[in-house]
Amino acid sequence: MPTLQYVQPTEGQKELMQKFRDKYETLLNDINGMEINQSRGLSLAKTKLEESAMWLNKAITEND
């Protein structure tokens, strides 16, 4: 059941969340290292990456 309250992740969930945070961080570093001009599209890509990480963490803590 969905909740708006904070859900304390288990140790296993924390480990899984950190695994994916590291992957997201690598991807973000790769994006930041690209030699492309700043643009709205680039800003949106970074925002969506952050958003995706947030939703994945929520999915992990909701999945027992």
PDB file of N, CA and C in Angstrom:
ATOM      1  N   MET A   1       0.836  -1.176   0.000  1.00  0.00           N
ATOM      2  CA  MET A   1       0.000   0.000   0.000  1.00  0.00           C
ATOM      3  C   MET A   1       0.888   1.249   0.000  1.00  0.00           C
ATOM      4  N   PRO A   2       0.630   2.208  -0.863  1.00  0.00           N
ATOM      5  CA  PRO A   2       1.449   3.420  -0.913  1.00  0.00           C
ATOM      6  C   PRO A   2       1.372   4.194   0.395  1.00  0.00           C
ATOM      7  N   THR A   3       2.463   4.858   0.709  1.00  0.00           N
ATOM      8  CA  THR A   3       2.499   5.696   1.903  1.00  0.00           C
ATOM      9  C   THR A   3       3.240   6.983   1.584  1.00  0.00           C
ATOM     10  N   LEU A   4       2.876   8.037   2.266  1.00  0.00           N
ATOM     11  CA  LEU A   4       3.586   9.300   2.131  1.00  0.00           C
ATOM     12  C   LEU A   4       4.599   9.481   3.251  1.00  0.00           C
ATOM     13  N   GLN A   5       4.670   8.505   4.131  1.00  0.00           N
ATOM     14  CA  GLN A   5       5.589   8.553   5.257  1.00  0.00           C
ATOM     15  C   GLN A   5       6.950   7.971   4.858  1.00  0.00           C
ATOM     16  N   TYR A   6       7.984   8.370   5.589  1.00  0.00           N
ATOM     17  CA  TYR A   6       9.322   7.841   5.367  1.00  0.00           C
ATOM     18  C   TYR A   6       9.323   6.354   5.681  1.00  0.00           C
ATOM     19  N   VAL A   7       9.936   5.578   4.820  1.00  0.00           N
ATOM     20  CA  VAL A   7      10.066   4.141   5.035  1.00  0.00           C
ATOM     21  C   VAL A   7      11.550   3.847   5.262  1.00  0.00           C
ATOM     22  N   GLN A   8      11.876   3.343   6.437  1.00  0.00           N
ATOM     23  CA  GLN A   8      13.261   3.018   6.773  1.00  0.00           C
ATOM     24  C   GLN A   8      13.683   1.781   5.982  1.00  0.00           C
ATOM     25  N   PRO A   9      14.683   1.900   5.091  1.00  0.00           N
ATOM     26  CA  PRO A   9      15.107   0.726   4.331  1.00  0.00           C
ATOM     27  C   PRO A   9      15.844  -0.278   5.210  1.00  0.00           C
ATOM     28  N   THR A  10      15.729  -1.543   4.829  1.00  0.00           N
ATOM     29  CA  THR A  10      16.479  -2.591   5.522  1.00  0.00           C
ATOM     30  C   THR A  10      17.945  -2.492   5.095  1.00  0.00           C
ATOM     31  N   GLU A  11      18.803  -3.223   5.755  1.00  0.00           N
ATOM     32  CA  GLU A  11      20.222  -3.211   5.388  1.00  0.00           C
ATOM     33  C   GLU A  11      20.411  -3.702   3.953  1.00  0.00           C
ATOM     34  N   GLY A  12      19.686  -4.742   3.562  1.00  0.00           N
ATOM     35  CA  GLY A  12      19.779  -5.253   2.202  1.00  0.00           C
ATOM     36  C   GLY A  12      19.319  -4.227   1.176  1.00  0.00           C
ATOM     37  N   GLN A  13      18.254  -3.516   1.512  1.00  0.00           N
ATOM     38  CA  GLN A  13      17.755  -2.471   0.622  1.00  0.00           C
ATOM     39  C   GLN A  13      18.760  -1.321   0.519  1.00  0.00           C
ATOM     40  N   LYS A  14      19.386  -0.971   1.639  1.00  0.00           N
ATOM     41  CA  LYS A  14      20.397   0.089   1.626  1.00  0.00           C
ATOM     42  C   LYS A  14      21.562  -0.285   0.710  1.00  0.00           C
ATOM     43  N   GLU A  15      21.985  -1.541   0.778  1.00  0.00           N
ATOM     44  CA  GLU A  15      23.086  -2.002  -0.069  1.00  0.00           C
ATOM     45  C   GLU A  15      22.704  -1.922  -1.545  1.00  0.00           C
ATOM     46  N   LEU A  16      21.492  -2.344  -1.867  1.00  0.00           N
ATOM     47  CA  LEU A  16      21.021  -2.297  -3.250  1.00  0.00           C
ATOM     48  C   LEU A  16      20.895  -0.849  -3.729  1.00  0.00           C
ATOM     49  N   MET A  17      20.374   0.011  -2.876  1.00  0.00           N
ATOM     50  CA  MET A  17      20.241   1.421  -3.226  1.00  0.00           C
ATOM     51  C   MET A  17      21.611   2.040  -3.495  1.00  0.00           C
ATOM     52  N   GLN A  18      22.602   1.707  -2.679  1.00  0.00           N
ATOM     53  CA  GLN A  18      23.952   2.257  -2.869  1.00  0.00           C
ATOM     54  C   GLN A  18      24.571   1.736  -4.161  1.00  0.00           C
ATOM     55  N   LYS A  19      24.319   0.485  -4.484  1.00  0.00           N
ATOM     56  CA  LYS A  19      24.828  -0.089  -5.735  1.00  0.00           C
ATOM     57  C   LYS A  19      24.338   0.732  -6.922  1.00  0.00           C
ATOM     58  N   PHE A  20      23.048   1.059  -6.924  1.00  0.00           N
ATOM     59  CA  PHE A  20      22.501   1.825  -8.029  1.00  0.00           C
ATOM     60  C   PHE A  20      22.906   3.293  -7.965  1.00  0.00           C
ATOM     61  N   ARG A  21      23.076   3.864  -6.762  1.00  0.00           N
ATOM     62  CA  ARG A  21      23.567   5.239  -6.652  1.00  0.00           C
ATOM     63  C   ARG A  21      24.931   5.371  -7.313  1.00  0.00           C
ATOM     64  N   ASP A  22      25.777   4.377  -7.078  1.00  0.00           N
ATOM     65  CA  ASP A  22      27.111   4.386  -7.683  1.00  0.00           C
ATOM     66  C   ASP A  22      27.020   4.351  -9.207  1.00  0.00           C
ATOM     67  N   LYS A  23      26.109   3.543  -9.740  1.00  0.00           N
ATOM     68  CA  LYS A  23      25.924   3.470 -11.191  1.00  0.00           C
ATOM     69  C   LYS A  23      25.385   4.792 -11.736  1.00  0.00           C
ATOM     70  N   TYR A  24      24.431   5.380 -11.058  1.00  0.00           N
ATOM     71  CA  TYR A  24      23.896   6.672 -11.473  1.00  0.00           C
ATOM     72  C   TYR A  24      24.986   7.743 -11.432  1.00  0.00           C
ATOM     73  N   GLU A  25      25.810   7.715 -10.395  1.00  0.00           N
ATOM     74  CA  GLU A  25      26.872   8.704 -10.274  1.00  0.00           C
ATOM     75  C   GLU A  25      27.881   8.569 -11.412  1.00  0.00           C
ATOM     76  N   THR A  26      28.206   7.341 -11.779  1.00  0.00           N
ATOM     77  CA  THR A  26      29.111   7.113 -12.905  1.00  0.00           C
ATOM     78  C   THR A  26      28.520   7.678 -14.186  1.00  0.00           C
ATOM     79  N   LEU A  27      27.234   7.417 -14.416  1.00  0.00           N
ATOM     80  CA  LEU A  27      26.567   7.937 -15.602  1.00  0.00           C
ATOM     81  C   LEU A  27      26.544   9.466 -15.595  1.00  0.00           C
ATOM     82  N   LEU A  28      26.229  10.067 -14.455  1.00  0.00           N
ATOM     83  CA  LEU A  28      26.211  11.519 -14.356  1.00  0.00           C
ATOM     84  C   LEU A  28      27.600  12.095 -14.620  1.00  0.00           C
ATOM     85  N   ASN A  29      28.638  11.459 -14.091  1.00  0.00           N
ATOM     86  CA  ASN A  29      30.009  11.919 -14.342  1.00  0.00           C
ATOM     87  C   ASN A  29      30.350  11.818 -15.826  1.00  0.00           C
ATOM     88  N   ASP A  30      29.906  10.751 -16.475  1.00  0.00           N
ATOM     89  CA  ASP A  30      30.124  10.609 -17.913  1.00  0.00           C
ATOM     90  C   ASP A  30      29.426  11.727 -18.685  1.00  0.00           C
ATOM     91  N   ILE A  31      28.200  12.024 -18.297  1.00  0.00           N
ATOM     92  CA  ILE A  31      27.452  13.104 -18.954  1.00  0.00           C
ATOM     93  C   ILE A  31      28.167  14.439 -18.739  1.00  0.00           C
ATOM     94  N   ASN A  32      28.596  14.692 -17.513  1.00  0.00           N
ATOM     95  CA  ASN A  32      29.275  15.954 -17.208  1.00  0.00           C
ATOM     96  C   ASN A  32      30.610  16.074 -17.942  1.00  0.00           C
ATOM     97  N   GLY A  33      31.221  14.956 -18.272  1.00  0.00           N
ATOM     98  CA  GLY A  33      32.507  14.963 -18.958  1.00  0.00           C
ATOM     99  C   GLY A  33      32.403  15.115 -20.466  1.00  0.00           C
ATOM    100  N   MET A  34      31.184  15.082 -20.978  1.00  0.00           N
ATOM    101  CA  MET A  34      30.991  15.224 -22.421  1.00  0.00           C
ATOM    102  C   MET A  34      31.238  16.666 -22.836  1.00  0.00           C
ATOM    103  N   GLU A  35      31.782  16.826 -24.002  1.00  0.00           N
ATOM    104  CA  GLU A  35      32.048  18.171 -24.514  1.00  0.00           C
ATOM    105  C   GLU A  35      30.871  18.622 -25.372  1.00  0.00           C
ATOM    106  N   ILE A  36      29.776  18.922 -24.685  1.00  0.00           N
ATOM    107  CA  ILE A  36      28.603  19.456 -25.370  1.00  0.00           C
ATOM    108  C   ILE A  36      28.171  20.725 -24.651  1.00  0.00           C
ATOM    109  N   ASN A  37      27.504  21.582 -25.387  1.00  0.00           N
ATOM    110  CA  ASN A  37      27.054  22.859 -24.823  1.00  0.00           C
ATOM    111  C   ASN A  37      25.947  22.630 -23.807  1.00  0.00           C
ATOM    112  N   GLN A  38      25.923  23.521 -22.821  1.00  0.00           N
ATOM    113  CA  GLN A  38      24.824  23.509 -21.866  1.00  0.00           C
ATOM    114  C   GLN A  38      23.537  23.833 -22.620  1.00  0.00           C
ATOM    115  N   SER A  39      22.504  23.121 -22.315  1.00  0.00           N
ATOM    116  CA  SER A  39      21.231  23.341 -22.988  1.00  0.00           C
ATOM    117  C   SER A  39      20.102  22.889 -22.079  1.00  0.00           C
ATOM    118  N   ARG A  40      18.911  23.227 -22.479  1.00  0.00           N
ATOM    119  CA  ARG A  40      17.744  22.784 -21.728  1.00  0.00           C
ATOM    120  C   ARG A  40      17.663  21.265 -21.749  1.00  0.00           C
ATOM    121  N   GLY A  41      17.969  20.672 -22.905  1.00  0.00           N
ATOM    122  CA  GLY A  41      17.933  19.220 -23.035  1.00  0.00           C
ATOM    123  C   GLY A  41      18.900  18.545 -22.078  1.00  0.00           C
ATOM    124  N   LEU A  42      20.106  19.095 -21.950  1.00  0.00           N
ATOM    125  CA  LEU A  42      21.092  18.525 -21.032  1.00  0.00           C
ATOM    126  C   LEU A  42      20.616  18.661 -19.588  1.00  0.00           C
ATOM    127  N   SER A  43      20.075  19.829 -19.263  1.00  0.00           N
ATOM    128  CA  SER A  43      19.546  20.030 -17.906  1.00  0.00           C
ATOM    129  C   SER A  43      18.415  19.057 -17.604  1.00  0.00           C
ATOM    130  N   LEU A  44      17.543  18.854 -18.587  1.00  0.00           N
ATOM    131  CA  LEU A  44      16.443  17.905 -18.388  1.00  0.00           C
ATOM    132  C   LEU A  44      16.959  16.486 -18.230  1.00  0.00           C
ATOM    133  N   ALA A  45      17.966  16.125 -19.008  1.00  0.00           N
ATOM    134  CA  ALA A  45      18.536  14.778 -18.901  1.00  0.00           C
ATOM    135  C   ALA A  45      19.077  14.540 -17.490  1.00  0.00           C
ATOM    136  N   LYS A  46      19.773  15.523 -16.940  1.00  0.00           N
ATOM    137  CA  LYS A  46      20.315  15.398 -15.586  1.00  0.00           C
ATOM    138  C   LYS A  46      19.188  15.326 -14.554  1.00  0.00           C
ATOM    139  N   THR A  47      18.173  16.143 -14.738  1.00  0.00           N
ATOM    140  CA  THR A  47      17.035  16.131 -13.822  1.00  0.00           C
ATOM    141  C   THR A  47      16.322  14.789 -13.863  1.00  0.00           C
ATOM    142  N   LYS A  48      16.122  14.257 -15.059  1.00  0.00           N
ATOM    143  CA  LYS A  48      15.432  12.972 -15.195  1.00  0.00           C
ATOM    144  C   LYS A  48      16.267  11.842 -14.609  1.00  0.00           C
ATOM    145  N   LEU A  49      17.582  11.943 -14.695  1.00  0.00           N
ATOM    146  CA  LEU A  49      18.451  10.946 -14.078  1.00  0.00           C
ATOM    147  C   LEU A  49      18.267  10.971 -12.563  1.00  0.00           C
ATOM    148  N   GLU A  50      18.244  12.166 -11.998  1.00  0.00           N
ATOM    149  CA  GLU A  50      18.020  12.312 -10.556  1.00  0.00           C
ATOM    150  C   GLU A  50      16.638  11.786 -10.173  1.00  0.00           C
ATOM    151  N   GLU A  51      15.652  12.107 -10.987  1.00  0.00           N
ATOM    152  CA  GLU A  51      14.290  11.644 -10.733  1.00  0.00           C
ATOM    153  C   GLU A  51      14.212  10.113 -10.789  1.00  0.00           C
ATOM    154  N   SER A  52      14.875   9.539 -11.760  1.00  0.00           N
ATOM    155  CA  SER A  52      14.888   8.087 -11.900  1.00  0.00           C
ATOM    156  C   SER A  52      15.507   7.421 -10.677  1.00  0.00           C
ATOM    157  N   ALA A  53      16.592   7.988 -10.170  1.00  0.00           N
ATOM    158  CA  ALA A  53      17.235   7.443  -8.969  1.00  0.00           C
ATOM    159  C   ALA A  53      16.283   7.488  -7.778  1.00  0.00           C
ATOM    160  N   MET A  54      15.544   8.585  -7.654  1.00  0.00           N
ATOM    161  CA  MET A  54      14.594   8.721  -6.548  1.00  0.00           C
ATOM    162  C   MET A  54      13.507   7.652  -6.640  1.00  0.00           C
ATOM    163  N   TRP A  55      12.931   7.478  -7.840  1.00  0.00           N
ATOM    164  CA  TRP A  55      11.854   6.502  -8.001  1.00  0.00           C
ATOM    165  C   TRP A  55      12.358   5.083  -7.796  1.00  0.00           C
ATOM    166  N   LEU A  56      13.581   4.815  -8.196  1.00  0.00           N
ATOM    167  CA  LEU A  56      14.133   3.472  -7.974  1.00  0.00           C
ATOM    168  C   LEU A  56      14.265   3.209  -6.478  1.00  0.00           C
ATOM    169  N   ASN A  57      14.735   4.191  -5.720  1.00  0.00           N
ATOM    170  CA  ASN A  57      14.839   4.010  -4.264  1.00  0.00           C
ATOM    171  C   ASN A  57      13.460   3.742  -3.661  1.00  0.00           C
ATOM    172  N   LYS A  58      12.461   4.460  -4.129  1.00  0.00           N
ATOM    173  CA  LYS A  58      11.101   4.243  -3.619  1.00  0.00           C
ATOM    174  C   LYS A  58      10.641   2.832  -3.953  1.00  0.00           C
ATOM    175  N   ALA A  59      10.907   2.394  -5.178  1.00  0.00           N
ATOM    176  CA  ALA A  59      10.518   1.047  -5.594  1.00  0.00           C
ATOM    177  C   ALA A  59      11.211  -0.019  -4.747  1.00  0.00           C
ATOM    178  N   ILE A  60      12.479   0.206  -4.440  1.00  0.00           N
ATOM    179  CA  ILE A  60      13.231  -0.760  -3.632  1.00  0.00           C
ATOM    180  C   ILE A  60      12.637  -0.877  -2.229  1.00  0.00           C
ATOM    181  N   THR A  61      12.285   0.244  -1.612  1.00  0.00           N
ATOM    182  CA  THR A  61      11.766   0.187  -0.242  1.00  0.00           C
ATOM    183  C   THR A  61      10.327  -0.304  -0.187  1.00  0.00           C
ATOM    184  N   GLU A  62       9.596  -0.238  -1.288  1.00  0.00           N
ATOM    185  CA  GLU A  62       8.220  -0.734  -1.295  1.00  0.00           C
ATOM    186  C   GLU A  62       8.145  -2.221  -1.610  1.00  0.00           C
ATOM    187  N   ASN A  63       9.238  -2.789  -2.076  1.00  0.00           N
ATOM    188  CA  ASN A  63       9.259  -4.180  -2.500  1.00  0.00           C
ATOM    189  C   ASN A  63       9.868  -5.030  -1.391  1.00  0.00           C
ATOM    190  N   ASP A  64       9.038  -5.715  -0.659  1.00  0.00           N
ATOM    191  CA  ASP A  64       9.544  -6.564   0.446  1.00  0.00           C
ATOM    192  C   ASP A  64      10.136  -7.804  -0.118  1.00  0.00           C
TER     193      ASP A  64
END
